[in-house]
N, C-alpha and C. Protein backbone atom coordinates (compact mmCIF):
# COMPACT_ATOMS: atom_id res chain seq x y z
N MET A 1 -3.72 6.95 -12.07
CA MET A 1 -3.76 5.70 -10.39
C MET A 1 -2.59 4.32 -10.96
N PRO A 2 -1.63 4.04 -10.66
CA PRO A 2 -0.94 3.29 -11.11
C PRO A 2 -1.28 2.17 -9.94
N ASN A 3 -0.44 1.02 -11.24
CA ASN A 3 -0.64 -0.15 -10.40
C ASN A 3 0.16 -0.73 -9.13
N VAL A 4 0.19 -1.25 -8.09
CA VAL A 4 0.97 -0.86 -7.06
C VAL A 4 1.03 -2.40 -6.62
N MET A 5 2.39 -3.20 -6.55
CA MET A 5 2.14 -4.36 -5.85
C MET A 5 2.70 -4.21 -4.84
N ILE A 6 1.99 -5.16 -3.69
CA ILE A 6 2.38 -4.67 -2.34
C ILE A 6 2.71 -6.35 -1.73
N ARG A 7 3.48 -7.01 -0.99
CA ARG A 7 4.31 -7.75 -0.78
C ARG A 7 5.22 -8.02 0.77
N ARG A 8 4.81 -9.21 1.17
CA ARG A 8 5.55 -9.23 2.89
C ARG A 8 6.84 -9.58 2.81
N LYS A 9 7.82 -8.28 3.52
CA LYS A 9 8.82 -8.39 3.70
C LYS A 9 9.07 -9.43 4.71
N ASP A 10 10.44 -10.00 4.80
CA ASP A 10 11.15 -11.32 5.82
C ASP A 10 10.37 -10.74 6.95
N ASP A 11 10.72 -9.41 7.36
CA ASP A 11 10.40 -8.64 9.00
C ASP A 11 8.85 -8.65 8.88
N GLY A 12 8.15 -8.64 7.88
CA GLY A 12 7.08 -9.18 8.53
C GLY A 12 6.24 -7.61 8.02
N GLY A 13 6.65 -6.74 7.72
CA GLY A 13 6.49 -5.29 6.86
C GLY A 13 6.39 -5.40 5.49
N LEU A 14 5.51 -4.29 5.20
CA LEU A 14 5.08 -4.37 3.97
C LEU A 14 5.67 -3.63 2.58
N LEU A 15 5.82 -4.03 1.46
CA LEU A 15 6.71 -3.15 0.47
C LEU A 15 6.16 -2.42 -0.52
N PHE A 16 6.06 -1.74 -1.29
CA PHE A 16 5.29 -0.65 -1.71
C PHE A 16 6.16 -0.90 -2.95
N TYR A 17 5.24 -0.90 -4.66
CA TYR A 17 6.25 -1.26 -5.79
C TYR A 17 5.25 -0.72 -6.71
N VAL A 18 6.36 -0.13 -7.14
CA VAL A 18 5.06 1.46 -8.78
C VAL A 18 6.35 0.85 -9.50
N ALA A 19 6.22 -0.13 -10.62
CA ALA A 19 6.77 -0.62 -11.41
C ALA A 19 7.47 0.98 -13.01
N LYS A 20 6.29 1.02 -13.23
CA LYS A 20 6.59 2.00 -13.99
C LYS A 20 7.45 3.60 -13.53
N LYS A 21 7.46 3.17 -12.19
CA LYS A 21 8.37 4.40 -11.50
C LYS A 21 9.19 4.04 -11.52
N ASP A 22 9.85 2.57 -11.28
CA ASP A 22 10.56 1.99 -10.69
C ASP A 22 11.25 2.04 -9.08
N MET A 23 9.65 2.75 -8.57
CA MET A 23 9.99 2.82 -6.72
C MET A 23 9.50 2.03 -5.70
N GLU A 24 10.65 1.70 -5.14
CA GLU A 24 10.09 0.52 -4.12
C GLU A 24 10.51 0.95 -2.43
N GLU A 25 9.47 1.48 -1.98
CA GLU A 25 9.64 2.15 -0.36
C GLU A 25 8.53 0.80 0.32
N THR A 26 8.91 0.96 1.56
CA THR A 26 8.45 0.38 2.61
C THR A 26 7.22 0.97 3.44
N ILE A 27 6.30 -0.02 3.41
CA ILE A 27 5.08 1.23 4.10
C ILE A 27 5.66 0.85 5.65
N ALA A 28 5.24 2.47 6.31
CA ALA A 28 5.24 2.99 7.43
C ALA A 28 3.95 3.01 7.93
N THR A 29 2.90 3.58 7.72
CA THR A 29 1.47 3.16 8.27
C THR A 29 1.23 3.13 7.10
N VAL A 30 -0.34 2.70 7.71
CA VAL A 30 -1.84 1.95 6.59
C VAL A 30 -2.76 2.76 7.66
N GLU A 31 -4.09 3.39 7.05
CA GLU A 31 -5.17 3.91 7.79
C GLU A 31 -5.93 3.37 8.63
N THR A 32 -6.30 2.18 7.65
CA THR A 32 -7.22 1.22 8.57
C THR A 32 -6.81 -0.25 7.92
N ASP A 33 -6.29 -1.45 8.83
CA ASP A 33 -5.62 -2.60 8.93
C ASP A 33 -6.59 -3.26 10.23
N THR A 34 -7.34 -3.37 9.87
CA THR A 34 -7.74 -4.70 10.67
C THR A 34 -7.95 -6.13 10.41
N ASP A 35 -8.75 -6.71 10.59
CA ASP A 35 -9.38 -8.36 10.52
C ASP A 35 -10.45 -7.75 9.53
N GLU A 36 -11.24 -6.58 9.66
CA GLU A 36 -12.66 -6.64 8.75
C GLU A 36 -11.72 -6.10 7.43
N ALA A 37 -11.16 -5.01 7.50
CA ALA A 37 -10.61 -4.41 6.33
C ALA A 37 -9.30 -3.55 6.09
N TRP A 38 -8.87 -3.19 4.97
CA TRP A 38 -7.55 -2.79 5.47
C TRP A 38 -7.34 -1.92 3.42
N GLY A 39 -6.85 -0.31 4.09
CA GLY A 39 -6.65 0.69 2.74
C GLY A 39 -6.68 2.01 3.88
N GLY A 40 -7.34 2.90 2.74
CA GLY A 40 -7.23 4.39 2.81
C GLY A 40 -6.07 5.06 3.00
N GLU A 41 -5.34 5.88 3.84
CA GLU A 41 -4.18 6.50 3.60
C GLU A 41 -2.92 5.69 3.77
N VAL A 42 -2.32 5.71 2.74
CA VAL A 42 -1.15 4.64 3.34
C VAL A 42 0.06 5.67 2.83
N GLU A 43 1.40 5.58 4.11
CA GLU A 43 2.41 6.71 4.44
C GLU A 43 3.81 5.55 4.15
N LEU A 44 4.63 6.14 3.16
CA LEU A 44 5.84 5.15 3.23
C LEU A 44 7.00 5.44 3.79
N THR A 45 8.04 5.16 3.59
CA THR A 45 9.14 5.92 4.84
C THR A 45 9.96 6.78 3.84
N ASP A 46 9.46 7.21 2.82
CA ASP A 46 9.82 8.01 2.07
C ASP A 46 9.39 9.72 2.56
N GLY A 47 7.92 9.11 2.92
CA GLY A 47 7.34 10.41 3.01
C GLY A 47 6.01 10.90 2.46
N SER A 48 6.04 9.82 0.84
CA SER A 48 4.99 10.01 0.47
C SER A 48 3.44 9.87 1.26
N ARG A 49 2.51 9.70 0.25
CA ARG A 49 1.21 9.01 0.32
C ARG A 49 0.60 9.08 -0.59
N TRP A 50 -0.64 7.84 -0.56
CA TRP A 50 -0.97 7.32 -1.40
C TRP A 50 -2.48 6.68 -0.38
N PHE A 51 -3.51 6.73 -1.46
CA PHE A 51 -4.62 5.96 -1.01
C PHE A 51 -5.35 5.09 -2.05
N ILE A 52 -6.00 4.34 -1.10
CA ILE A 52 -7.25 3.26 -1.77
C ILE A 52 -8.63 3.67 -1.05
N ASP A 53 -9.49 3.16 -1.19
CA ASP A 53 -10.66 2.96 -0.47
C ASP A 53 -10.42 1.31 0.43
N PRO A 54 -10.82 1.32 1.59
CA PRO A 54 -10.64 0.58 2.31
C PRO A 54 -12.07 -0.60 1.58
N ILE A 55 -10.21 -1.96 1.15
CA ILE A 55 -10.92 -3.04 0.90
C ILE A 55 -11.39 -4.29 1.66
N SER A 56 -12.26 -4.78 2.07
CA SER A 56 -12.95 -6.00 2.93
C SER A 56 -13.74 -6.82 2.39
N PRO A 57 -12.80 -8.08 2.62
CA PRO A 57 -11.43 -8.35 3.54
C PRO A 57 -10.68 -7.82 2.92
N PRO A 58 -9.08 -7.78 4.08
CA PRO A 58 -7.92 -7.16 3.93
C PRO A 58 -7.61 -8.40 2.46
N PRO A 59 -7.09 -7.78 1.65
CA PRO A 59 -6.26 -8.83 0.59
C PRO A 59 -5.21 -9.33 1.53
N GLN A 60 -4.68 -10.66 0.28
CA GLN A 60 -3.78 -11.74 0.52
C GLN A 60 -2.36 -10.98 0.13
N PHE A 61 -1.42 -10.95 0.57
CA PHE A 61 -0.18 -10.31 0.14
C PHE A 61 0.89 -11.73 -0.61
N PRO A 62 1.15 -11.57 -1.68
CA PRO A 62 1.28 -10.61 -2.73
C PRO A 62 0.27 -10.20 -3.50
N THR A 63 -0.53 -8.89 -3.75
CA THR A 63 -1.09 -8.47 -4.94
C THR A 63 -0.87 -7.41 -5.30
N THR A 64 -1.51 -7.00 -6.58
CA THR A 64 -1.61 -5.52 -7.40
C THR A 64 -2.80 -5.07 -6.87
N LEU A 65 -2.69 -3.58 -6.83
CA LEU A 65 -3.69 -2.89 -6.46
C LEU A 65 -3.15 -1.33 -7.16
N ARG A 66 -4.47 -0.85 -7.39
CA ARG A 66 -4.45 0.59 -8.13
C ARG A 66 -4.41 1.78 -6.95
N PHE A 67 -3.33 2.16 -6.79
CA PHE A 67 -3.88 3.71 -5.80
C PHE A 67 -3.24 4.36 -6.35
N LYS A 68 -4.06 5.77 -5.94
CA LYS A 68 -3.65 7.31 -6.29
C LYS A 68 -2.80 7.64 -5.38
N ARG A 69 -2.67 8.93 -5.74
CA ARG A 69 -1.61 9.74 -4.38
C ARG A 69 -2.89 10.69 -3.40
N ALA A 70 -2.08 10.49 -2.90
CA ALA A 70 -3.14 11.44 -1.70
C ALA A 70 -2.83 12.73 -1.47
N GLY A 71 -4.50 13.09 -1.87
CA GLY A 71 -4.24 14.26 -1.76
C GLY A 71 -4.85 15.23 -3.34
N ASP A 72 -4.44 14.34 -4.12
CA ASP A 72 -4.66 14.57 -5.74
C ASP A 72 -6.14 14.64 -5.53
């Protein structure tokens, strides 16, 4: 379960960065993205899918969270 840094891009989108893999992608979709919670399955623009248990209340960005690959 890598530590993932998530921050807002200038256009308002979210950037997903895994330092150990030097991987940086834009988040395409988030399963749960409401005023009450954020998380679940996250799909990146490269098609990879990651998972984090929904967080309530939603985190403030930038932040570092522990994700796991979806389906693992």
